[in-house]
N, C-alpha and C. Protein backbone atom coordinates (compact mmCIF):
# COMPACT_ATOMS: atom_id res chain seq x y z
N MET A 1 2.76 2.85 -27.19
CA MET A 1 4.10 3.56 -26.71
C MET A 1 3.80 5.24 -26.82
N GLU A 2 4.54 5.77 -25.69
CA GLU A 2 3.96 7.30 -25.66
C GLU A 2 5.70 7.65 -25.90
N PHE A 3 6.11 8.94 -26.20
CA PHE A 3 7.28 9.34 -26.26
C PHE A 3 7.70 10.47 -25.09
N PHE A 4 8.80 11.14 -24.70
CA PHE A 4 8.87 12.05 -24.15
C PHE A 4 10.14 12.60 -24.44
N GLU A 5 10.27 13.74 -24.06
CA GLU A 5 11.69 14.53 -24.07
C GLU A 5 11.80 15.37 -22.67
N LEU A 6 12.97 15.32 -22.04
CA LEU A 6 13.31 15.88 -20.86
C LEU A 6 12.67 17.53 -20.91
N SER A 7 13.36 18.01 -22.14
CA SER A 7 13.23 19.56 -21.65
C SER A 7 11.61 19.78 -22.10
N LYS A 8 11.13 19.06 -22.59
CA LYS A 8 9.28 19.43 -22.79
C LYS A 8 8.31 18.99 -21.75
N LEU A 9 8.82 18.54 -20.70
CA LEU A 9 8.29 18.14 -19.51
C LEU A 9 7.82 19.32 -18.25
N PRO A 10 6.77 19.30 -17.90
CA PRO A 10 6.34 20.47 -17.22
C PRO A 10 7.29 20.44 -15.84
N VAL A 11 7.65 21.33 -15.20
CA VAL A 11 8.51 21.62 -13.77
C VAL A 11 7.40 22.05 -12.95
N ASN A 12 7.67 21.07 -11.96
CA ASN A 12 6.87 21.32 -10.72
C ASN A 12 7.81 21.54 -9.29
N LEU A 13 7.45 22.84 -8.76
CA LEU A 13 8.59 22.99 -7.47
C LEU A 13 8.17 22.24 -6.19
N TRP A 14 9.10 21.77 -5.27
CA TRP A 14 8.71 21.19 -4.71
C TRP A 14 8.53 22.17 -3.34
N ARG A 15 7.36 21.93 -2.62
CA ARG A 15 6.97 22.51 -1.23
C ARG A 15 8.26 22.79 -0.45
N ASN A 16 9.13 22.17 -0.21
CA ASN A 16 10.15 22.28 0.57
C ASN A 16 11.39 23.45 0.03
N GLY A 17 10.92 23.54 -1.34
CA GLY A 17 12.18 24.29 -1.87
C GLY A 17 13.60 23.63 -2.39
N ALA A 18 13.57 22.19 -1.71
CA ALA A 18 14.97 21.58 -2.15
C ALA A 18 15.00 20.99 -3.27
N GLY A 19 13.83 21.36 -4.54
CA GLY A 19 14.33 20.55 -5.59
C GLY A 19 13.05 21.03 -6.44
N GLU A 20 12.82 20.24 -7.89
CA GLU A 20 11.86 20.31 -8.70
C GLU A 20 11.69 18.50 -9.21
N SER A 21 10.57 18.17 -9.88
CA SER A 21 10.32 17.47 -10.38
C SER A 21 9.32 17.77 -11.59
N ARG A 22 9.60 16.37 -12.85
CA ARG A 22 8.96 16.64 -13.99
C ARG A 22 8.57 14.73 -13.99
N GLU A 23 7.12 15.16 -13.81
CA GLU A 23 6.37 13.68 -14.32
C GLU A 23 6.43 13.46 -15.63
N ILE A 24 6.75 12.07 -15.78
CA ILE A 24 6.87 11.65 -16.98
C ILE A 24 5.53 10.50 -17.39
N CYS A 25 4.97 9.96 -16.51
CA CYS A 25 3.88 9.08 -16.72
C CYS A 25 3.21 9.05 -15.21
N CYS A 26 2.03 8.33 -15.18
CA CYS A 26 1.38 7.79 -14.24
C CYS A 26 0.55 6.87 -14.43
N PHE A 27 0.28 6.07 -14.01
CA PHE A 27 -0.68 4.80 -14.23
C PHE A 27 -1.90 4.12 -12.99
N PRO A 28 -2.85 4.42 -13.25
CA PRO A 28 -3.35 4.57 -14.28
C PRO A 28 -3.81 5.91 -14.48
N PRO A 29 -3.58 6.99 -15.65
CA PRO A 29 -3.67 8.15 -15.98
C PRO A 29 -4.66 8.76 -15.19
N ASP A 30 -4.95 9.93 -14.95
CA ASP A 30 -5.97 10.86 -14.58
C ASP A 30 -6.75 10.13 -13.41
N SER A 31 -6.18 9.84 -12.25
CA SER A 31 -7.05 9.14 -11.40
C SER A 31 -6.57 10.17 -9.96
N GLY A 32 -7.33 9.54 -8.96
CA GLY A 32 -6.88 9.63 -7.63
C GLY A 32 -5.62 9.29 -7.19
N TYR A 33 -5.18 7.80 -7.39
CA TYR A 33 -4.09 7.10 -7.08
C TYR A 33 -3.62 6.67 -8.09
N PHE A 34 -2.31 5.74 -7.57
CA PHE A 34 -1.59 5.39 -9.02
C PHE A 34 -1.12 3.79 -8.42
N ASN A 35 -0.87 3.09 -9.61
CA ASN A 35 -0.17 1.77 -9.54
C ASN A 35 1.22 1.93 -9.85
N TRP A 36 1.72 2.72 -10.63
CA TRP A 36 2.88 3.09 -10.80
C TRP A 36 3.61 4.61 -11.73
N ARG A 37 4.32 5.51 -11.23
CA ARG A 37 4.51 6.71 -11.54
C ARG A 37 6.39 6.89 -11.89
N ALA A 38 6.37 7.72 -12.81
CA ALA A 38 7.83 7.88 -13.13
C ALA A 38 8.17 9.12 -13.30
N SER A 39 9.14 9.88 -12.82
CA SER A 39 9.52 11.15 -12.72
C SER A 39 10.87 11.38 -13.02
N ILE A 40 11.40 12.52 -13.33
CA ILE A 40 12.64 13.11 -13.21
C ILE A 40 13.03 14.48 -12.01
N ALA A 41 13.63 14.17 -11.35
CA ALA A 41 13.71 15.46 -10.36
C ALA A 41 15.17 15.50 -10.12
N SER A 42 15.08 17.00 -9.68
CA SER A 42 16.33 17.87 -9.55
C SER A 42 16.53 18.34 -8.15
N LEU A 43 17.52 17.61 -7.20
CA LEU A 43 17.93 17.80 -6.30
C LEU A 43 18.62 18.92 -5.97
N ALA A 44 18.19 20.03 -5.52
CA ALA A 44 18.96 21.21 -5.55
C ALA A 44 19.83 21.87 -4.13
N SER A 45 19.02 20.92 -3.15
CA SER A 45 19.72 20.91 -1.95
C SER A 45 19.35 19.78 -0.92
N SER A 46 20.06 19.32 0.30
CA SER A 46 19.98 18.66 1.12
C SER A 46 18.28 18.81 1.83
N GLY A 47 18.08 17.52 1.93
CA GLY A 47 16.59 17.46 2.64
C GLY A 47 15.87 16.04 2.59
N GLU A 48 14.65 16.14 3.41
CA GLU A 48 13.83 14.98 3.39
C GLU A 48 13.06 14.43 1.91
N PHE A 49 13.08 13.25 1.79
CA PHE A 49 12.17 13.18 0.80
C PHE A 49 10.63 12.46 1.25
N ALA A 50 10.00 13.25 0.53
CA ALA A 50 8.59 12.86 0.91
C ALA A 50 8.06 11.34 0.82
N SER A 51 7.43 11.07 1.92
CA SER A 51 6.89 9.53 2.26
C SER A 51 5.99 9.32 1.31
N PHE A 52 5.75 8.31 1.07
CA PHE A 52 4.18 7.62 0.63
C PHE A 52 3.79 6.14 1.48
N ASP A 53 2.60 6.25 1.71
CA ASP A 53 2.61 5.09 2.65
C ASP A 53 2.25 3.32 1.71
N ASP A 54 2.77 2.20 1.61
CA ASP A 54 3.10 1.37 0.84
C ASP A 54 3.40 1.21 -0.48
N VAL A 55 4.49 2.05 -0.51
CA VAL A 55 5.00 2.29 -2.04
C VAL A 55 6.84 1.48 -1.73
N ASP A 56 7.05 1.53 -2.98
CA ASP A 56 8.72 0.92 -3.05
C ASP A 56 9.35 2.14 -4.09
N ARG A 57 10.41 2.58 -3.98
CA ARG A 57 11.00 3.64 -4.83
C ARG A 57 12.25 2.84 -5.48
N ALA A 58 12.56 3.22 -6.78
CA ALA A 58 13.68 3.18 -7.58
C ALA A 58 14.02 4.38 -8.02
N ILE A 59 15.37 4.90 -7.73
CA ILE A 59 15.92 6.31 -8.05
C ILE A 59 17.37 5.53 -8.59
N THR A 60 17.52 6.76 -9.76
CA THR A 60 19.08 6.48 -10.45
C THR A 60 19.86 7.82 -10.54
N LEU A 61 20.73 8.03 -10.21
CA LEU A 61 21.49 9.24 -10.38
C LEU A 61 21.45 9.18 -11.52
N LEU A 62 21.21 10.57 -12.39
CA LEU A 62 21.42 10.58 -14.02
C LEU A 62 23.12 11.58 -14.13
N GLU A 63 22.52 12.71 -13.15
CA GLU A 63 23.86 13.60 -13.49
C GLU A 63 23.97 14.38 -11.85
N GLY A 64 25.14 14.80 -11.81
CA GLY A 64 25.59 15.89 -10.85
C GLY A 64 26.53 14.70 -9.87
N GLY A 65 26.45 15.19 -8.43
CA GLY A 65 27.05 15.12 -7.72
C GLY A 65 26.63 13.80 -6.82
N GLU A 66 26.95 13.06 -6.37
CA GLU A 66 26.75 11.79 -5.30
C GLU A 66 25.94 12.31 -4.13
N VAL A 67 24.92 11.61 -3.98
CA VAL A 67 23.77 11.67 -2.68
C VAL A 67 23.51 10.59 -1.83
N LEU A 68 24.06 11.21 -0.67
CA LEU A 68 23.75 10.15 0.80
C LEU A 68 22.65 10.24 0.84
N LEU A 69 21.88 8.95 0.86
CA LEU A 69 20.63 8.60 1.28
C LEU A 69 20.48 7.79 3.06
N ASP A 70 20.23 8.79 3.72
CA ASP A 70 20.24 7.97 5.27
C ASP A 70 18.68 7.69 5.95
N GLY A 71 19.00 6.69 6.16
CA GLY A 71 17.42 6.16 6.75
C GLY A 71 16.80 4.96 5.96
N VAL A 72 17.65 4.74 5.01
CA VAL A 72 16.72 3.18 4.28
C VAL A 72 17.91 2.11 5.03
N GLY A 73 16.47 1.73 5.83
CA GLY A 73 16.61 0.35 6.46
C GLY A 73 17.34 1.03 8.12
N ASN A 74 18.53 0.26 8.06
CA ASN A 74 19.29 0.50 9.22
C ASN A 74 20.36 1.20 9.02
N SER A 75 20.63 1.55 7.71
CA SER A 75 21.89 2.34 7.20
C SER A 75 22.03 3.43 6.53
N SER A 76 22.64 3.73 5.28
CA SER A 76 22.89 4.61 4.46
C SER A 76 23.01 4.11 3.23
N HIS A 77 22.83 4.75 2.05
CA HIS A 77 23.56 4.35 0.68
C HIS A 77 23.65 5.59 0.14
N VAL A 78 24.85 5.48 -0.80
CA VAL A 78 25.78 6.80 -1.61
C VAL A 78 24.99 6.50 -3.10
N LEU A 79 24.38 7.29 -3.41
CA LEU A 79 23.94 6.92 -4.91
C LEU A 79 25.06 7.79 -5.71
N LYS A 80 25.17 6.41 -6.71
CA LYS A 80 26.25 6.72 -7.90
C LYS A 80 26.08 6.63 -9.08
N ARG A 81 26.27 7.31 -10.00
CA ARG A 81 25.63 7.48 -11.18
C ARG A 81 25.42 6.39 -11.89
N HIS A 82 24.37 6.26 -12.38
CA HIS A 82 23.75 5.15 -13.11
C HIS A 82 23.84 3.69 -12.46
N GLN A 83 23.75 3.64 -11.05
CA GLN A 83 23.45 2.63 -10.62
C GLN A 83 21.93 2.73 -9.84
N PRO A 84 21.10 2.10 -10.46
CA PRO A 84 19.75 1.95 -9.62
C PRO A 84 19.87 1.45 -8.57
N PHE A 85 19.08 2.29 -7.14
CA PHE A 85 19.01 1.64 -5.90
C PHE A 85 17.59 1.52 -5.74
N PHE A 86 16.90 0.89 -5.11
CA PHE A 86 15.71 0.45 -4.59
C PHE A 86 15.13 0.27 -3.23
N PHE A 87 14.61 0.88 -2.63
CA PHE A 87 14.04 1.29 -0.95
C PHE A 87 12.58 1.55 -0.91
N PRO A 88 12.15 1.18 0.49
CA PRO A 88 10.69 1.89 1.02
C PRO A 88 10.44 3.08 0.74
N GLY A 89 9.65 3.33 0.14
CA GLY A 89 8.87 4.89 0.40
C GLY A 89 8.15 5.19 1.35
N ASP A 90 8.02 4.35 2.16
CA ASP A 90 6.93 4.81 3.44
C ASP A 90 7.82 5.32 4.72
N LYS A 91 8.92 5.47 4.62
CA LYS A 91 10.34 5.23 5.25
C LYS A 91 10.71 6.54 5.37
N PRO A 92 10.95 7.50 6.51
CA PRO A 92 11.55 8.83 6.12
C PRO A 92 13.18 8.63 5.75
N VAL A 93 13.35 9.39 4.55
CA VAL A 93 14.74 9.44 4.16
C VAL A 93 15.35 10.79 3.89
N TYR A 94 16.36 10.92 4.70
CA TYR A 94 17.16 12.20 4.53
C TYR A 94 18.29 12.11 3.17
N ALA A 95 18.12 12.91 2.08
CA ALA A 95 18.88 12.79 1.21
C ALA A 95 20.25 13.96 1.10
N GLU A 96 21.44 13.91 1.21
CA GLU A 96 22.63 14.86 1.40
C GLU A 96 23.15 14.87 0.29
N LEU A 97 23.23 15.76 -0.38
CA LEU A 97 24.06 16.38 -1.61
C LEU A 97 25.86 16.33 -0.93
N THR A 98 26.32 14.98 -1.38
CA THR A 98 27.68 15.39 -0.51
C THR A 98 28.94 16.05 -1.10
N GLN A 99 28.46 16.52 -2.39
CA GLN A 99 29.84 17.25 -2.84
C GLN A 99 29.39 18.42 -2.97
N GLY A 100 28.06 18.94 -2.75
CA GLY A 100 28.06 20.45 -2.73
C GLY A 100 27.02 20.61 -4.30
N VAL A 101 26.75 19.79 -4.49
CA VAL A 101 26.62 19.86 -6.22
C VAL A 101 25.08 19.22 -6.39
N MET A 102 24.03 20.05 -7.57
CA MET A 102 22.95 19.55 -7.46
C MET A 102 22.70 18.41 -8.11
N SER A 103 22.03 17.26 -7.72
CA SER A 103 21.53 16.27 -8.57
C SER A 103 20.73 16.10 -9.52
N MET A 104 20.35 15.30 -10.53
CA MET A 104 19.47 15.04 -11.05
C MET A 104 19.03 13.25 -11.10
N ASN A 105 17.90 12.80 -10.73
CA ASN A 105 17.48 11.92 -10.67
C ASN A 105 16.48 11.07 -11.51
N PHE A 106 16.64 9.71 -11.84
CA PHE A 106 15.38 9.18 -12.35
C PHE A 106 14.59 8.75 -11.20
N ASN A 107 13.33 8.82 -10.89
CA ASN A 107 12.50 8.23 -9.88
C ASN A 107 11.75 7.32 -10.39
N LEU A 108 11.40 6.04 -9.68
CA LEU A 108 9.84 5.33 -10.11
C LEU A 108 9.39 4.65 -8.80
N ILE A 109 8.13 5.15 -8.61
CA ILE A 109 7.27 4.39 -7.72
C ILE A 109 6.64 4.00 -8.00
N THR A 110 6.38 2.57 -7.10
CA THR A 110 4.92 1.57 -7.09
C THR A 110 4.38 1.07 -6.26
N GLN A 111 3.08 0.97 -6.22
CA GLN A 111 2.43 0.48 -5.07
C GLN A 111 2.62 -1.02 -4.83
N ARG A 112 3.42 -0.99 -3.58
CA ARG A 112 3.68 -2.25 -3.46
C ARG A 112 2.83 -3.76 -3.41
N SER A 113 1.82 -3.21 -2.82
CA SER A 113 0.46 -4.41 -2.82
C SER A 113 -0.18 -4.60 -4.23
N ARG A 114 0.35 -3.51 -5.42
CA ARG A 114 -0.19 -4.01 -7.09
C ARG A 114 1.07 -4.40 -7.95
N CYS A 115 2.09 -3.96 -7.85
CA CYS A 115 3.12 -4.47 -8.74
C CYS A 115 4.31 -4.29 -8.46
N LYS A 116 5.51 -4.28 -8.97
CA LYS A 116 6.98 -4.31 -8.64
C LYS A 116 7.61 -3.89 -10.10
N ALA A 117 8.93 -3.27 -9.79
CA ALA A 117 9.76 -2.70 -10.65
C ALA A 117 10.96 -3.22 -10.59
N ARG A 118 11.59 -3.40 -11.79
CA ARG A 118 12.91 -3.84 -12.13
C ARG A 118 13.71 -3.02 -12.96
N THR A 119 14.57 -2.09 -12.42
CA THR A 119 15.45 -1.01 -13.10
C THR A 119 16.65 -1.83 -13.67
N TYR A 120 17.07 -1.53 -15.09
CA TYR A 120 18.22 -1.79 -15.64
C TYR A 120 18.89 -0.69 -16.16
N ILE A 121 20.01 -1.32 -16.44
CA ILE A 121 21.42 -0.05 -17.67
C ILE A 121 21.04 -1.11 -18.66
N ALA A 122 21.26 -0.85 -19.75
CA ALA A 122 20.89 -1.42 -20.80
C ALA A 122 22.39 -0.93 -21.78
N ASP A 123 22.91 -1.60 -22.38
CA ASP A 123 24.19 -1.12 -23.57
C ASP A 123 24.07 -2.20 -24.92
N ARG A 124 22.94 -2.84 -25.04
CA ARG A 124 22.51 -3.76 -26.37
C ARG A 124 21.60 -3.52 -26.66
N THR A 125 21.12 -4.10 -28.06
CA THR A 125 19.72 -4.38 -28.15
C THR A 125 18.97 -5.32 -27.44
N PHE A 126 17.74 -5.31 -27.22
CA PHE A 126 16.79 -6.37 -26.35
C PHE A 126 15.35 -6.01 -26.74
N THR A 127 14.77 -7.15 -26.27
CA THR A 127 13.33 -7.13 -26.18
C THR A 127 12.82 -7.02 -24.77
N THR A 128 11.93 -6.19 -24.66
CA THR A 128 11.04 -6.19 -23.39
C THR A 128 10.38 -7.35 -23.34
N LEU A 129 10.31 -7.79 -22.47
CA LEU A 129 9.26 -8.60 -21.52
C LEU A 129 7.92 -8.22 -21.80
N GLY A 130 7.13 -9.29 -21.56
CA GLY A 130 5.34 -9.16 -21.49
C GLY A 130 4.87 -8.92 -20.57
N THR A 131 5.31 -7.54 -20.11
CA THR A 131 5.16 -7.05 -18.68
C THR A 131 3.78 -6.35 -18.79
N ARG A 132 3.27 -5.42 -17.56
CA ARG A 132 2.19 -4.62 -18.02
C ARG A 132 2.38 -3.28 -18.02
N GLY A 133 3.61 -3.03 -18.01
CA GLY A 133 4.19 -1.69 -18.45
C GLY A 133 5.81 -1.65 -18.36
N GLY A 134 6.29 -0.24 -18.70
CA GLY A 134 7.45 0.03 -18.45
C GLY A 134 8.23 1.35 -19.12
N ILE A 135 9.29 1.75 -18.80
CA ILE A 135 9.65 2.70 -19.38
C ILE A 135 11.32 2.77 -19.76
N ALA A 136 11.72 3.68 -20.43
CA ALA A 136 13.13 3.69 -20.78
C ALA A 136 13.62 5.14 -21.40
N TYR A 137 14.83 5.37 -20.81
CA TYR A 137 15.03 6.95 -20.94
C TYR A 137 16.48 6.76 -21.52
N VAL A 138 17.07 7.25 -22.36
CA VAL A 138 18.33 7.50 -22.93
C VAL A 138 19.29 8.15 -22.36
N LEU A 139 20.46 7.32 -22.07
CA LEU A 139 21.67 8.44 -21.62
C LEU A 139 23.11 8.57 -22.28
N SER A 140 23.06 7.55 -23.24
CA SER A 140 23.58 7.91 -24.27
C SER A 140 23.67 7.57 -25.42
N GLY A 141 24.02 7.45 -26.60
CA GLY A 141 24.12 6.79 -27.96
C GLY A 141 22.60 7.04 -28.54
N GLU A 142 22.49 6.24 -29.66
CA GLU A 142 20.86 6.58 -30.55
C GLU A 142 20.19 5.08 -29.84
N TRP A 143 18.85 5.17 -29.75
CA TRP A 143 18.61 4.31 -29.63
C TRP A 143 17.03 4.22 -30.99
N GLN A 144 16.77 2.95 -31.35
CA GLN A 144 15.32 2.85 -31.73
C GLN A 144 14.53 2.25 -31.27
N PHE A 145 13.07 2.78 -31.02
CA PHE A 145 12.19 2.26 -30.59
C PHE A 145 11.18 2.27 -31.87
N GLY A 146 10.60 1.22 -32.21
CA GLY A 146 9.62 0.91 -33.19
C GLY A 146 10.40 1.76 -34.83
N ASP A 147 9.43 2.86 -35.16
CA ASP A 147 10.04 3.72 -36.11
C ASP A 147 10.40 5.01 -35.48
N LYS A 148 10.87 5.03 -34.41
CA LYS A 148 11.10 6.57 -33.61
C LYS A 148 12.47 6.39 -33.05
N LEU A 149 13.43 7.39 -33.33
CA LEU A 149 14.72 7.14 -32.98
C LEU A 149 14.79 8.30 -31.78
N LEU A 150 15.33 7.85 -30.82
CA LEU A 150 15.64 8.59 -29.65
C LEU A 150 17.17 8.34 -29.25
N ARG A 151 17.48 9.75 -28.45
CA ARG A 151 19.10 10.09 -28.47
C ARG A 151 18.37 10.49 -26.84
N PRO A 152 19.88 11.20 -26.19
CA PRO A 152 20.14 11.34 -24.72
C PRO A 152 19.16 12.71 -24.58
N ASP A 153 18.22 12.29 -23.27
CA ASP A 153 17.36 12.66 -22.48
C ASP A 153 15.86 12.74 -23.59
N GLN A 154 15.90 11.59 -24.12
CA GLN A 154 14.37 11.38 -24.67
C GLN A 154 14.38 9.81 -23.98
N GLY A 155 12.77 9.68 -24.23
CA GLY A 155 12.62 8.30 -23.78
C GLY A 155 11.41 7.82 -24.33
N ALA A 156 10.61 6.73 -23.67
CA ALA A 156 9.46 5.91 -24.06
C ALA A 156 8.81 5.27 -22.95
N TRP A 157 7.87 5.10 -22.89
CA TRP A 157 6.81 4.82 -21.97
C TRP A 157 5.73 3.53 -22.58
N TRP A 158 5.14 2.80 -21.82
CA TRP A 158 4.32 1.83 -22.41
C TRP A 158 3.70 1.28 -21.58
N GLU A 159 2.34 0.25 -21.75
CA GLU A 159 1.52 0.18 -20.79
C GLU A 159 1.67 -1.44 -20.88
N ASP A 160 2.03 -2.05 -22.18
CA ASP A 160 2.10 -3.62 -22.22
C ASP A 160 2.78 -3.95 -23.47
N GLY A 161 2.97 -5.23 -23.58
CA GLY A 161 3.60 -5.74 -24.44
C GLY A 161 5.09 -6.04 -25.33
N LEU A 162 5.33 -6.54 -26.01
CA LEU A 162 7.09 -6.78 -26.30
C LEU A 162 7.23 -5.72 -27.13
N HIS A 163 8.42 -4.81 -27.19
CA HIS A 163 8.94 -4.41 -27.78
C HIS A 163 10.46 -4.39 -27.74
N THR A 164 11.14 -4.09 -29.33
CA THR A 164 12.59 -4.15 -29.48
C THR A 164 13.11 -3.33 -29.32
N VAL A 165 13.97 -2.67 -28.57
CA VAL A 165 14.75 -1.50 -28.27
C VAL A 165 16.05 -1.73 -28.99
N ARG A 166 16.59 -1.30 -29.72
CA ARG A 166 17.95 -1.48 -30.69
C ARG A 166 18.90 -0.39 -30.50
N LEU A 167 19.64 -0.67 -29.99
CA LEU A 167 21.13 0.28 -29.92
C LEU A 167 21.38 0.77 -31.74
N LEU A 168 21.78 1.66 -32.17
CA LEU A 168 22.10 1.97 -33.31
C LEU A 168 23.72 2.26 -33.56
N GLN A 169 24.42 2.34 -32.62
CA GLN A 169 25.79 2.83 -32.53
C GLN A 169 26.45 1.80 -31.78
N ASN A 170 27.77 1.75 -31.80
CA ASN A 170 28.82 0.34 -31.19
C ASN A 170 28.44 0.76 -29.55
N THR A 171 28.34 1.94 -29.04
CA THR A 171 28.04 2.35 -27.19
C THR A 171 27.35 2.72 -27.45
N GLY A 172 26.55 2.58 -26.29
CA GLY A 172 25.56 3.69 -25.95
C GLY A 172 24.83 2.96 -24.74
N THR A 173 24.09 3.76 -23.80
CA THR A 173 23.57 3.17 -22.27
C THR A 173 21.78 3.45 -22.16
N LEU A 174 21.26 2.99 -21.89
CA LEU A 174 19.63 3.49 -21.62
C LEU A 174 19.36 2.83 -20.48
N LEU A 175 18.93 3.69 -19.73
CA LEU A 175 17.62 3.42 -18.13
C LEU A 175 16.41 2.84 -18.35
N TYR A 176 16.58 1.39 -18.01
CA TYR A 176 14.97 0.89 -18.64
C TYR A 176 14.38 0.05 -17.25
N SER A 177 12.93 0.01 -17.05
CA SER A 177 12.24 -0.42 -16.19
C SER A 177 11.37 -1.16 -16.48
N GLU A 178 11.20 -2.41 -16.31
CA GLU A 178 9.63 -3.26 -16.50
C GLU A 178 8.67 -3.08 -15.22
N ILE A 179 7.85 -2.97 -15.51
CA ILE A 179 6.70 -3.18 -14.56
C ILE A 179 5.55 -4.66 -14.36
N THR A 180 5.67 -5.29 -13.41
CA THR A 180 5.20 -6.34 -13.12
C THR A 180 4.00 -6.35 -12.26
N TYR A 181 2.20 -6.49 -12.47
CA TYR A 181 1.31 -6.70 -11.86
C TYR A 181 1.46 -7.60 -11.00
N LEU A 182 0.92 -7.86 -9.66
CA LEU A 182 0.99 -8.82 -8.87
C LEU A 182 -0.45 -9.31 -8.55
């Protein structure tokens, strides 16, 4: 299991100037392609998302104003705080900041032909499934990952195995994704 903290992730500015991203992990690492990749992005202005062939995306609004995604299928969708949304990543999607306020989003991209992701919001202790990978990001409260204590804006990712994730307070929320290979 590897751990990360939002404030320590390197920042990459987008070519279109509409935002920035912080890559958390990419599998396999250090290769020219990926099976899955996780990042946190700040959307500073409305604009088009980059499209990637044969990928699916999961996006979750972490902070800021709601975002209208136009072009997801034959309709649009409003991203609301802490509600994961899944859509094909190979279609053109335009993101509009509906309240004119920057948003911060958790993004998970999977290669459709190789793996799929499920994303949840957890509010109690749980054990991960024996999948081929996963990632967790603390939204509130204190969470125990093995011998490591994590607080908001911290997280962990893993390649496989069962892991118990323990909520240490009465309340807390955690964004959690599991990756299954096809």
